[in-house]
């Protein structure tokens, strides 16, 4: 039960063998060789075995990236990484019939056989991520669970998820290092710079096994949510590119972004916020505030940093924006439009400019690598020559440093964002006679909680009894949410003449009650 780490660039002497027998919890890490080289050089052949059998990628093992090296998981090709249980502490019925399937880019709805609204504990194998949601097809509250360094086991679920999960999606998890390349999914520059992460302005393409190419919905709604959600080479999504920047291609309001956000959540992908723009911080402020107020999932803070200084201030942004890990998806030293940083020079590719940029970028990169708040960063190689890592086929001094630099493992569980748990009161309560002659009065309302609630109570009292308390006349089981909101109807038969007031109460698993803000009245006369 170990991580067996090989540090050298020549991993095996003649006749050397590693045999993995603990196929549940042991892995082999080859720290200095990329996965594609492990496979192309056939480094496993004759050296690595699983229970005495030759290790073969895709058959009895998986070779994936591990920072700037590789990891070998002793997993069979038919591995089922998720097991769920109908009781706490892994008791009751166990189900593990879960693969990497999705429903046209969205999460999968659980069936009764797969324990819909019955999951009370689960186990997830190392190297995978699962996203659970309380509603069907990914609607409602959702949360990502990541097994990065060991199997993830939840003997008890939080109250708002306990026996309330109705959809899921499982992903392979990739152990990328921090450094990446922005707006470039070409194999050439990424391979030259040794990145394990890249993106461009669309859904991207597979760079596995050496790097993760992250899909990017640059504005609502392009590429489509389904297109981005259907990728099988990443478990993250970048979203809305500088929507508060009026000079950008497609500026969009916070309202427009929020109106689509629940669909993005439904993919199950780990979601970046809209990206920042130095001239429109208020846009990002409003977006994050609204997401957190609603209990929606936004897992990562996306920053664009064309700064001459301030890279050591990441703790401030982490705390200000809800304690989310930070991806800096565009950065260089300075901004050409501000004539600062490296852009205060003549902007040529001269050796002097290369050295000047390297001197400062070395400090910036060291700061970012040492910051636990920064999960990833992607260098913007599209500015003036003085800032470039690569110009054509020429690599700058900063490019050489970037290539050789070991930036460290990106993800740190201690800094993950768990979505806020938010319960809301019933809204849009209304009333109308269903059959006035029989005293049948219909109360309607809208709700966004789904079956995160424990129950819903309909209450009434006589208006004339001012001091009287409301009486619960019905207890309703919450519905499994399958959209942005739910509609409810309850028809009451009034017992006697008088004016009655109604209200609806949402009861959370915490025991706290959430009351409808308004009431409705029904007047029943003694003679109908």
Protein backbone atom coordinates (compact mmCIF):
# COMPACT_ATOMS: atom_id res chain seq x y z
CA UNK A 1 0.00 0.00 0.00
CA UNK A 2 2.53 2.56 -1.21
CA UNK A 3 3.35 5.15 -3.84
CA UNK A 4 6.52 3.55 -5.25
CA UNK A 5 8.42 6.53 -6.68
CA UNK A 6 11.24 6.24 -9.21
CA UNK A 7 13.11 9.53 -9.51
CA UNK A 8 15.70 8.80 -12.18
CA UNK A 9 15.45 9.41 -15.90
CA UNK A 10 16.64 5.83 -16.52
CA UNK A 11 14.02 4.01 -14.48
CA UNK A 12 15.05 0.37 -14.81
CA UNK A 13 18.33 -1.49 -14.84
CA UNK A 14 18.57 -4.68 -16.88
CA UNK A 15 16.48 -7.36 -15.25
CA UNK A 16 14.84 -4.92 -12.80
CA UNK A 17 11.21 -5.72 -12.04
CA UNK A 18 8.35 -4.11 -10.16
CA UNK A 19 5.37 -6.31 -9.38
CA UNK A 20 2.20 -4.59 -8.14
CA UNK A 21 0.11 -7.00 -6.07
CA UNK A 22 -1.88 -4.48 -4.04
CA UNK A 23 -4.06 -3.46 -6.97
CA UNK A 24 -6.41 -1.52 -4.72
CA UNK A 25 -3.98 0.96 -3.23
CA UNK A 26 -0.43 0.71 -4.65
CA UNK A 27 0.79 2.79 -7.61
CA UNK A 28 4.05 3.23 -9.48
CA UNK A 29 5.24 6.80 -10.10
CA UNK A 30 7.98 7.48 -12.67
CA UNK A 31 8.74 11.03 -11.69
CA UNK A 32 10.82 12.33 -14.61
CA UNK A 33 9.35 10.70 -17.72
CA UNK A 34 6.17 11.78 -19.49
CA UNK A 35 3.43 9.16 -20.12
CA UNK A 36 3.83 9.20 -23.90
CA UNK A 37 7.54 8.44 -23.50
CA UNK A 38 6.85 5.65 -21.01
CA UNK A 39 4.59 4.11 -23.63
CA UNK A 40 6.56 4.88 -26.81
CA UNK A 41 9.83 3.66 -25.29
CA UNK A 42 8.05 0.58 -23.95
CA UNK A 43 9.54 1.19 -20.53
CA UNK A 44 7.00 -1.10 -18.87
CA UNK A 45 7.91 -4.10 -21.03
CA UNK A 46 9.72 -6.70 -19.01
CA UNK A 47 9.96 -4.38 -16.01
CA UNK A 48 6.47 -3.69 -14.61
CA UNK A 49 3.99 -6.43 -13.71
CA UNK A 50 0.56 -6.58 -12.14
CA UNK A 51 0.02 -9.70 -10.08
CA UNK A 52 2.81 -11.36 -12.04
CA UNK A 53 1.40 -10.44 -15.47
CA UNK A 54 3.13 -8.00 -17.80
CA UNK A 55 1.68 -4.48 -17.33
CA UNK A 56 -0.15 -3.40 -20.49
CA UNK A 57 -1.70 0.06 -20.71
CA UNK A 58 -5.45 -0.15 -21.19
CA UNK A 59 -5.56 -3.80 -20.22
CA UNK A 60 -4.37 -4.31 -16.65
CA UNK A 61 -3.01 -0.82 -15.95
CA UNK A 62 -3.46 2.86 -16.80
CA UNK A 63 -0.50 5.14 -17.55
CA UNK A 64 -1.38 8.77 -16.88
CA UNK A 65 0.38 12.07 -16.20
CA UNK A 66 1.69 12.86 -12.75
CA UNK A 67 2.94 16.46 -12.66
CA UNK A 68 5.98 16.40 -15.01
CA UNK A 69 6.13 12.59 -14.89
CA UNK A 70 3.86 9.55 -15.00
CA UNK A 71 1.78 7.37 -12.73
CA UNK A 72 0.86 3.74 -13.34
CA UNK A 73 -2.44 2.64 -11.82
CA UNK A 74 -2.88 -1.17 -11.63
CA UNK A 75 -6.48 -0.94 -12.85
CA UNK A 76 -8.12 -3.45 -15.17
CA UNK A 77 -9.73 -2.10 -18.33
CA UNK A 78 -13.20 -2.83 -16.95
CA UNK A 79 -12.63 -0.98 -13.66
CA UNK A 80 -15.72 0.45 -11.99
CA UNK A 81 -14.27 3.29 -9.91
CA UNK A 82 -17.41 4.27 -7.97
CA UNK A 83 -19.31 2.17 -5.45
CA UNK A 84 -22.37 3.56 -3.67
CA UNK A 85 -24.27 2.14 -0.71
CA UNK A 86 -27.83 2.40 0.54
CA UNK A 87 -26.74 2.69 4.18
CA UNK A 88 -24.16 4.69 6.05
CA UNK A 89 -20.77 3.10 6.75
CA UNK A 90 -20.89 1.17 3.46
CA UNK A 91 -23.82 -0.99 4.48
CA UNK A 92 -26.99 -2.15 2.79
CA UNK A 93 -27.17 -2.54 -0.97
CA UNK A 94 -23.93 -1.84 -2.87
CA UNK A 95 -23.91 -0.73 -6.53
CA UNK A 96 -20.83 -0.10 -8.66
CA UNK A 97 -22.22 -0.18 -12.19
CA UNK A 98 -20.81 3.26 -13.04
CA UNK A 99 -18.43 4.07 -15.88
CA UNK A 100 -17.45 7.31 -17.62
CA UNK A 101 -20.76 7.59 -19.45
CA UNK A 102 -22.68 10.86 -19.79
CA UNK A 103 -26.02 11.94 -21.25
CA UNK A 104 -25.18 14.10 -24.30
CA UNK A 105 -22.70 16.06 -22.22
CA UNK A 106 -24.81 16.18 -19.07
CA UNK A 107 -24.97 14.16 -15.88
CA UNK A 108 -26.77 10.83 -15.75
CA UNK A 109 -30.01 10.32 -13.83
CA UNK A 110 -29.92 7.50 -11.32
CA UNK A 111 -32.44 4.69 -11.56
CA UNK A 112 -33.97 2.80 -8.65
CA UNK A 113 -31.49 0.00 -9.36
CA UNK A 114 -28.68 2.55 -9.04
CA UNK A 115 -30.08 3.85 -5.74
CA UNK A 116 -31.83 7.04 -6.81
CA UNK A 117 -32.46 9.04 -3.61
CA UNK A 118 -30.98 6.16 -1.59
CA UNK A 119 -27.21 6.77 -1.56
CA UNK A 120 -25.95 7.22 2.00
CA UNK A 121 -22.21 6.45 1.62
CA UNK A 122 -19.74 5.86 -1.23
CA UNK A 123 -16.19 4.94 -2.21
CA UNK A 124 -14.29 6.38 -5.18
CA UNK A 125 -11.03 4.97 -6.53
CA UNK A 126 -7.92 7.12 -6.68
CA UNK A 127 -7.52 8.90 -10.00
CA UNK A 128 -11.21 9.69 -10.48
CA UNK A 129 -13.70 12.45 -9.81
CA UNK A 130 -17.44 12.08 -9.32
CA UNK A 131 -20.00 14.86 -9.38
CA UNK A 132 -23.28 14.25 -7.59
CA UNK A 133 -26.44 16.35 -7.87
CA UNK A 134 -29.67 16.18 -5.90
CA UNK A 135 -31.86 16.59 -8.98
CA UNK A 136 -32.39 14.60 -12.13
CA UNK A 137 -30.04 15.24 -15.09
CA UNK A 138 -27.74 17.32 -12.91
CA UNK A 139 -30.29 19.87 -11.69
CA UNK A 140 -30.17 21.32 -8.21
CA UNK A 141 -27.33 21.39 -5.74
CA UNK A 142 -24.20 19.63 -6.98
CA UNK A 143 -20.70 18.94 -5.69
CA UNK A 144 -17.49 17.48 -7.12
CA UNK A 145 -15.63 14.81 -5.13
CA UNK A 146 -11.98 14.20 -6.11
CA UNK A 147 -9.84 11.19 -5.24
CA UNK A 148 -6.41 12.57 -6.09
CA UNK A 149 -3.87 10.96 -3.73
CA UNK A 150 -5.87 8.05 -2.34
CA UNK A 151 -9.28 6.40 -2.52
CA UNK A 152 -11.99 8.77 -1.35
CA UNK A 153 -14.43 7.27 1.14
CA UNK A 154 -17.49 8.95 2.64
CA UNK A 155 -18.99 6.79 5.38
CA UNK A 156 -21.66 9.44 5.94
CA UNK A 157 -22.90 12.09 3.55
CA UNK A 158 -23.77 15.68 4.50
CA UNK A 159 -27.43 16.04 5.43
CA UNK A 160 -28.32 17.88 2.22
CA UNK A 161 -27.00 14.94 0.14
CA UNK A 162 -27.87 12.03 2.41
CA UNK A 163 -30.39 9.82 0.53
CA UNK A 164 -31.02 12.77 -1.81
CA UNK A 165 -28.67 12.17 -4.76
CA UNK A 166 -30.42 11.71 -8.11
CA UNK A 167 -27.68 12.11 -10.71
CA UNK A 168 -23.98 11.50 -11.17
CA UNK A 169 -21.06 11.67 -13.56
CA UNK A 170 -17.65 10.03 -13.17
CA UNK A 171 -14.44 11.41 -14.76
CA UNK A 172 -10.82 10.40 -14.92
CA UNK A 173 -8.78 12.77 -12.76
CA UNK A 174 -5.47 14.00 -14.19
CA UNK A 175 -2.62 15.02 -11.88
CA UNK A 176 -1.39 18.05 -13.84
CA UNK A 177 1.37 20.37 -12.74
CA UNK A 178 0.67 24.09 -12.47
CA UNK A 179 2.20 25.45 -15.68
CA UNK A 180 0.21 25.62 -18.89
CA UNK A 181 -0.18 27.52 -22.14
CA UNK A 182 -3.02 29.93 -22.93
CA UNK A 183 -4.87 30.09 -26.24
CA UNK A 184 -2.74 27.37 -27.82
CA UNK A 185 -3.75 23.74 -28.24
CA UNK A 186 -1.01 22.98 -30.76
CA UNK A 187 1.09 19.98 -29.86
CA UNK A 188 4.32 21.70 -30.93
CA UNK A 189 4.56 24.58 -28.44
CA UNK A 190 3.00 22.59 -25.63
CA UNK A 191 5.40 19.69 -26.10
CA UNK A 192 8.38 22.02 -26.36
CA UNK A 193 7.41 23.81 -23.13
CA UNK A 194 6.55 20.62 -21.25
CA UNK A 195 3.03 21.77 -20.28
CA UNK A 196 0.40 19.49 -18.77
CA UNK A 197 -2.47 21.93 -19.38
CA UNK A 198 -3.66 24.06 -22.29
CA UNK A 199 -6.83 25.54 -23.79
CA UNK A 200 -8.10 27.65 -26.67
CA UNK A 201 -11.40 29.31 -27.61
CA UNK A 202 -13.49 26.20 -28.16
CA UNK A 203 -13.95 22.67 -26.85
CA UNK A 204 -10.33 21.76 -27.57
CA UNK A 205 -8.97 18.34 -28.47
CA UNK A 206 -7.35 15.45 -26.71
CA UNK A 207 -3.71 15.85 -25.64
CA UNK A 208 -3.76 12.78 -23.43
CA UNK A 209 -1.82 11.17 -21.94
CA UNK A 210 0.65 14.05 -21.55
CA UNK A 211 -1.63 17.01 -20.88
CA UNK A 212 -5.19 18.05 -20.22
CA UNK A 213 -6.84 20.29 -22.80
CA UNK A 214 -9.67 22.14 -21.06
CA UNK A 215 -12.86 23.01 -22.98
CA UNK A 216 -13.72 26.70 -22.98
CA UNK A 217 -17.19 28.16 -23.42
CA UNK A 218 -16.03 31.68 -24.20
CA UNK A 219 -19.49 33.26 -24.03
CA UNK A 220 -23.13 32.27 -23.65
CA UNK A 221 -23.68 30.05 -25.55
CA UNK A 222 -20.65 29.17 -27.68
CA UNK A 223 -19.52 26.47 -27.89
CA UNK A 224 -22.74 24.89 -26.70
CA UNK A 225 -22.97 23.51 -23.19
CA UNK A 226 -23.51 20.03 -24.60
CA UNK A 227 -20.44 20.31 -26.85
CA UNK A 228 -18.17 21.32 -23.97
CA UNK A 229 -19.81 18.81 -21.66
CA UNK A 230 -19.22 15.95 -24.07
CA UNK A 231 -15.42 16.11 -23.99
CA UNK A 232 -13.75 13.00 -22.57
CA UNK A 233 -10.23 14.41 -22.12
CA UNK A 234 -10.82 16.83 -19.22
CA UNK A 235 -13.00 17.19 -16.14
CA UNK A 236 -12.95 21.00 -15.98
CA UNK A 237 -14.45 23.82 -18.03
CA UNK A 238 -13.37 27.42 -18.49
CA UNK A 239 -16.26 29.81 -19.02
CA UNK A 240 -17.16 33.36 -20.09
CA UNK A 241 -14.06 35.18 -21.29
CA UNK A 242 -13.87 38.69 -19.76
CA UNK A 243 -17.63 39.33 -20.07
CA UNK A 244 -17.25 42.67 -18.28
CA UNK A 245 -14.75 43.94 -20.85
CA UNK A 246 -16.65 46.16 -23.27
CA UNK A 247 -13.76 45.96 -25.73
CA UNK A 248 -13.86 42.16 -25.85
CA UNK A 249 -15.58 40.19 -28.61
CA UNK A 250 -18.80 39.39 -26.75
CA UNK A 251 -19.35 41.32 -23.51
CA UNK A 252 -22.33 39.92 -21.61
CA UNK A 253 -24.20 40.91 -18.48
CA UNK A 254 -24.05 39.02 -15.20
CA UNK A 255 -27.77 38.28 -15.65
CA UNK A 256 -27.16 36.57 -18.99
CA UNK A 257 -24.35 34.46 -17.53
CA UNK A 258 -26.38 33.46 -14.49
CA UNK A 259 -29.34 32.48 -16.64
CA UNK A 260 -27.23 29.72 -18.23
CA UNK A 261 -25.10 28.76 -15.21
CA UNK A 262 -27.27 25.91 -13.99
CA UNK A 263 -26.88 24.24 -17.40
CA UNK A 264 -23.10 24.44 -17.00
CA UNK A 265 -23.42 22.83 -13.57
CA UNK A 266 -25.41 20.01 -15.14
CA UNK A 267 -22.37 18.86 -17.15
CA UNK A 268 -20.72 17.78 -13.90
CA UNK A 269 -17.48 19.38 -15.07
CA UNK A 270 -15.50 21.35 -12.51
CA UNK A 271 -16.33 24.97 -13.39
CA UNK A 272 -14.16 28.07 -13.61
CA UNK A 273 -15.75 31.42 -12.90
CA UNK A 274 -16.02 34.04 -15.59
CA UNK A 275 -12.53 35.41 -16.16
CA UNK A 276 -11.55 38.73 -14.63
CA UNK A 277 -10.70 41.95 -16.43
CA UNK A 278 -8.79 44.66 -14.61
CA UNK A 279 -11.29 47.28 -15.70
CA UNK A 280 -14.40 45.38 -14.59
CA UNK A 281 -13.80 43.79 -11.20
CA UNK A 282 -17.35 44.75 -10.21
CA UNK A 283 -18.66 42.32 -12.83
CA UNK A 284 -16.78 39.43 -11.22
CA UNK A 285 -17.80 40.67 -7.75
CA UNK A 286 -21.47 40.51 -8.69
CA UNK A 287 -21.18 37.12 -10.39
CA UNK A 288 -19.49 35.42 -7.42
CA UNK A 289 -21.89 37.05 -4.94
CA UNK A 290 -24.92 35.79 -6.86
CA UNK A 291 -23.55 32.26 -7.29
CA UNK A 292 -22.76 31.92 -3.61
CA UNK A 293 -26.07 33.45 -2.56
CA UNK A 294 -27.91 30.83 -4.58
CA UNK A 295 -25.80 27.85 -3.50
CA UNK A 296 -24.65 27.20 -7.07
CA UNK A 297 -21.42 25.45 -7.95
CA UNK A 298 -18.44 27.49 -9.15
CA UNK A 299 -15.32 25.56 -8.26
CA UNK A 300 -12.45 27.77 -9.46
CA UNK A 301 -11.63 31.49 -9.61
CA UNK A 302 -10.35 32.49 -13.07
CA UNK A 303 -8.02 35.50 -13.18
CA UNK A 304 -6.34 37.34 -16.05
CA UNK A 305 -3.19 39.00 -14.73
CA UNK A 306 -1.51 41.50 -17.03
CA UNK A 307 0.27 42.99 -14.07
CA UNK A 308 3.59 44.68 -13.49
CA UNK A 309 3.40 43.63 -9.82
CA UNK A 310 1.03 42.04 -7.31
CA UNK A 311 1.52 38.35 -8.07
CA UNK A 312 2.29 37.76 -4.39
CA UNK A 313 -1.21 38.84 -3.39
CA UNK A 314 -3.13 35.70 -4.34
CA UNK A 315 -4.33 35.04 -0.80
CA UNK A 316 -6.35 38.27 -1.07
CA UNK A 317 -8.23 37.02 -4.15
CA UNK A 318 -8.69 33.56 -2.67
CA UNK A 319 -10.36 35.04 0.42
CA UNK A 320 -12.29 37.78 -1.36
CA UNK A 321 -13.94 35.44 -3.85
CA UNK A 322 -15.22 32.72 -1.58
CA UNK A 323 -12.04 30.70 -0.93
CA UNK A 324 -11.77 29.19 -4.39
CA UNK A 325 -8.52 27.84 -5.84
CA UNK A 326 -7.16 30.17 -8.53
CA UNK A 327 -6.45 29.52 -12.17
CA UNK A 328 -4.55 32.37 -13.84
CA UNK A 329 -5.57 31.61 -17.40
CA UNK A 330 -3.80 34.60 -18.98
CA UNK A 331 -0.67 36.33 -17.70
CA UNK A 332 2.56 38.01 -18.68
CA UNK A 333 4.73 40.55 -16.90
CA UNK A 334 2.95 43.84 -17.51
CA UNK A 335 0.47 45.06 -20.10
CA UNK A 336 1.31 46.39 -23.55
CA UNK A 337 -1.55 48.90 -23.33
CA UNK A 338 -0.07 50.29 -20.10
CA UNK A 339 3.53 50.31 -21.35
CA UNK A 340 4.70 48.69 -18.14
CA UNK A 341 6.57 45.53 -17.17
CA UNK A 342 8.46 44.08 -20.10
CA UNK A 343 6.45 46.33 -22.45
CA UNK A 344 8.32 49.41 -21.24
CA UNK A 345 11.13 48.26 -23.59
CA UNK A 346 11.42 48.53 -27.35
CA UNK A 347 9.45 45.26 -27.50
CA UNK A 348 11.94 43.43 -29.69
CA UNK A 349 13.15 39.85 -29.28
CA UNK A 350 16.61 41.09 -28.36
CA UNK A 351 18.76 39.14 -25.94
CA UNK A 352 18.66 42.12 -23.59
CA UNK A 353 14.86 42.08 -23.51
CA UNK A 354 14.82 38.30 -23.11
CA UNK A 355 17.13 38.60 -20.11
CA UNK A 356 15.08 41.41 -18.60
CA UNK A 357 11.89 39.38 -18.93
CA UNK A 358 13.55 36.28 -17.50
CA UNK A 359 14.88 38.15 -14.48
CA UNK A 360 11.37 39.21 -13.47
CA UNK A 361 9.46 36.15 -14.67
CA UNK A 362 11.72 33.89 -12.61
CA UNK A 363 10.53 35.77 -9.50
CA UNK A 364 6.88 35.72 -10.58
CA UNK A 365 6.92 32.00 -11.38
CA UNK A 366 8.64 31.16 -8.11
CA UNK A 367 5.94 33.14 -6.30
CA UNK A 368 3.12 31.34 -8.14
CA UNK A 369 4.70 27.92 -7.66
CA UNK A 370 4.99 28.54 -3.93
CA UNK A 371 1.45 29.88 -3.57
CA UNK A 372 -0.98 27.19 -2.34
CA UNK A 373 -3.88 29.35 -3.55
CA UNK A 374 -2.80 29.10 -7.20
CA UNK A 375 -3.79 25.80 -8.74
CA UNK A 376 -2.82 26.52 -12.36
CA UNK A 377 -1.50 29.26 -14.59
CA UNK A 378 -1.31 29.55 -18.37
CA UNK A 379 1.20 31.88 -20.03
CA UNK A 380 -0.08 34.20 -22.76
CA UNK A 381 2.37 33.80 -25.64
CA UNK A 382 0.43 36.06 -27.99
CA UNK A 383 1.81 39.46 -27.00
CA UNK A 384 4.77 41.47 -28.33
CA UNK A 385 8.06 39.67 -29.04
CA UNK A 386 9.72 40.97 -25.89
CA UNK A 387 7.36 38.82 -23.76
CA UNK A 388 7.27 35.62 -25.80
CA UNK A 389 8.27 32.18 -24.60
CA UNK A 390 8.50 31.03 -28.22
CA UNK A 391 8.67 33.11 -31.40
CA UNK A 392 8.17 30.83 -34.35
CA UNK A 393 10.74 28.13 -33.74
CA UNK A 394 12.94 30.32 -31.52
CA UNK A 395 12.72 29.86 -27.77
CA UNK A 396 13.44 32.81 -25.51
CA UNK A 397 15.42 32.66 -22.30
CA UNK A 398 12.14 32.76 -20.38
CA UNK A 399 10.86 29.94 -22.58
CA UNK A 400 13.85 27.79 -21.69
CA UNK A 401 13.29 28.49 -18.01
CA UNK A 402 9.57 27.70 -18.35
CA UNK A 403 10.36 24.44 -20.16
CA UNK A 404 12.84 23.22 -17.54
CA UNK A 405 10.92 24.46 -14.49
CA UNK A 406 9.11 21.94 -12.29
CA UNK A 407 6.05 23.90 -11.19
CA UNK A 408 4.70 21.29 -8.79
CA UNK A 409 1.38 19.50 -8.46
CA UNK A 410 -1.58 21.73 -9.24
CA UNK A 411 -4.52 20.54 -7.16
CA UNK A 412 -4.51 20.70 -3.37
CA UNK A 413 -7.53 19.29 -1.61
CA UNK A 414 -7.16 21.68 1.33
CA UNK A 415 -8.12 24.56 -0.97
CA UNK A 416 -11.10 23.04 -2.76
CA UNK A 417 -14.35 24.97 -2.80
CA UNK A 418 -17.38 23.16 -1.40
CA UNK A 419 -20.50 24.88 -2.79
CA UNK A 420 -22.53 26.84 -0.27
CA UNK A 421 -25.57 25.00 1.06
CA UNK A 422 -28.47 27.40 0.60
CA UNK A 423 -32.11 26.73 1.38
CA UNK A 424 -34.75 29.08 0.04
CA UNK A 425 -38.30 29.92 1.04
CA UNK A 426 -41.30 29.15 -1.18
CA UNK A 427 -42.04 31.88 -3.71
CA UNK A 428 -44.94 33.01 -5.91
CA UNK A 429 -47.55 31.71 -3.47
CA UNK A 430 -51.03 32.20 -4.85
CA UNK A 431 -54.59 31.01 -4.32
CA UNK A 432 -57.80 30.44 -6.28
CA UNK A 433 -61.09 28.64 -5.78
CA UNK A 434 -61.12 25.17 -7.23
CA UNK A 435 -64.80 24.66 -6.30
CA UNK A 436 -66.18 27.51 -4.24
CA UNK A 437 -69.51 25.81 -3.67
CA UNK A 438 -67.73 22.94 -1.91
CA UNK A 439 -65.25 25.22 -0.19
CA UNK A 440 -62.28 23.76 -2.15
CA UNK A 441 -59.48 26.30 -2.28
CA UNK A 442 -56.29 25.75 -4.30
CA UNK A 443 -52.93 27.04 -3.05
CA UNK A 444 -50.02 27.15 -5.51
CA UNK A 445 -46.35 28.06 -5.09
CA UNK A 446 -42.91 27.69 -6.62
CA UNK A 447 -39.79 26.19 -5.08
CA UNK A 448 -36.12 25.82 -6.11
CA UNK A 449 -34.88 23.43 -3.40
CA UNK A 450 -36.07 20.15 -4.80
CA UNK A 451 -35.79 17.23 -2.43
CA UNK A 452 -32.91 18.80 -0.52
CA UNK A 453 -35.78 19.63 1.84
CA UNK A 454 -37.01 17.28 4.51
CA UNK A 455 -40.64 18.22 3.98
CA UNK A 456 -43.01 21.01 2.99
CA UNK A 457 -45.84 22.14 5.23
CA UNK A 458 -49.01 23.93 4.21
CA UNK A 459 -50.39 26.01 7.07
CA UNK A 460 -53.51 28.10 7.64
CA UNK A 461 -55.33 30.08 10.28
CA UNK A 462 -58.49 32.17 10.62
CA UNK A 463 -57.74 35.81 9.97
CA UNK A 464 -60.08 36.83 12.79
CA UNK A 465 -57.96 34.92 15.30
CA UNK A 466 -55.13 37.44 15.26
CA UNK A 467 -53.17 35.85 18.10
CA UNK A 468 -53.74 32.31 16.94
CA UNK A 469 -50.87 30.30 15.55
CA UNK A 470 -50.84 28.83 12.09
CA UNK A 471 -51.86 25.17 12.02
CA UNK A 472 -50.23 22.63 9.70
CA UNK A 473 -52.99 21.16 7.56
CA UNK A 474 -50.80 19.13 5.20
CA UNK A 475 -47.27 17.76 4.98
CA UNK A 476 -45.98 17.28 1.45
CA UNK A 477 -42.97 15.26 0.32
CA UNK A 478 -40.57 17.40 -1.77
CA UNK A 479 -40.34 16.61 -5.45
CA UNK A 480 -37.18 15.49 -7.23
CA UNK A 481 -36.17 18.61 -9.13
CA UNK A 482 -35.81 18.27 -12.90
CA UNK A 483 -35.51 21.92 -13.92
CA UNK A 484 -34.77 25.36 -12.56
CA UNK A 485 -37.82 25.32 -10.29
CA UNK A 486 -40.79 23.24 -9.19
CA UNK A 487 -44.49 24.00 -9.02
CA UNK A 488 -46.72 22.71 -6.25
CA UNK A 489 -50.51 22.63 -5.80
CA UNK A 490 -52.46 21.83 -2.66
CA UNK A 491 -56.25 21.92 -2.52
CA UNK A 492 -57.82 22.51 0.88
CA UNK A 493 -61.44 22.03 1.92
CA UNK A 494 -62.38 24.89 4.24
CA UNK A 495 -64.09 23.64 7.41
CA UNK A 496 -66.38 26.64 8.11
CA UNK A 497 -67.20 30.16 7.07
CA UNK A 498 -64.60 32.85 7.59
CA UNK A 499 -61.48 34.35 6.05
CA UNK A 500 -58.47 32.04 6.06
CA UNK A 501 -54.80 32.85 5.61
CA UNK A 502 -52.36 30.35 4.10
CA UNK A 503 -48.61 30.10 4.09
CA UNK A 504 -46.09 27.44 3.06
CA UNK A 505 -43.07 26.34 5.08
CA UNK A 506 -39.95 24.63 3.73
CA UNK A 507 -38.28 22.42 6.35
CA UNK A 508 -34.54 21.83 5.85
CA UNK A 509 -32.59 18.82 7.20
CA UNK A 510 -30.96 21.26 9.62
CA UNK A 511 -34.36 21.67 11.29
CA UNK A 512 -34.64 25.30 10.22
CA UNK A 513 -37.92 26.48 8.69
CA UNK A 514 -38.18 28.81 5.69
CA UNK A 515 -41.53 30.60 5.38
CA UNK A 516 -43.17 32.02 2.30
CA UNK A 517 -42.79 35.78 2.38
CA UNK A 518 -46.46 36.43 1.69
CA UNK A 519 -49.76 34.75 2.47
CA UNK A 520 -52.93 34.15 0.48
CA UNK A 521 -56.47 34.51 1.72
CA UNK A 522 -59.66 32.59 1.06
CA UNK A 523 -63.05 33.89 2.21
CA UNK A 524 -65.79 31.32 2.73
CA UNK A 525 -69.29 32.64 3.40
CA UNK A 526 -71.88 30.74 5.41
CA UNK A 527 -74.12 30.44 2.36
CA UNK A 528 -72.61 29.31 -0.92
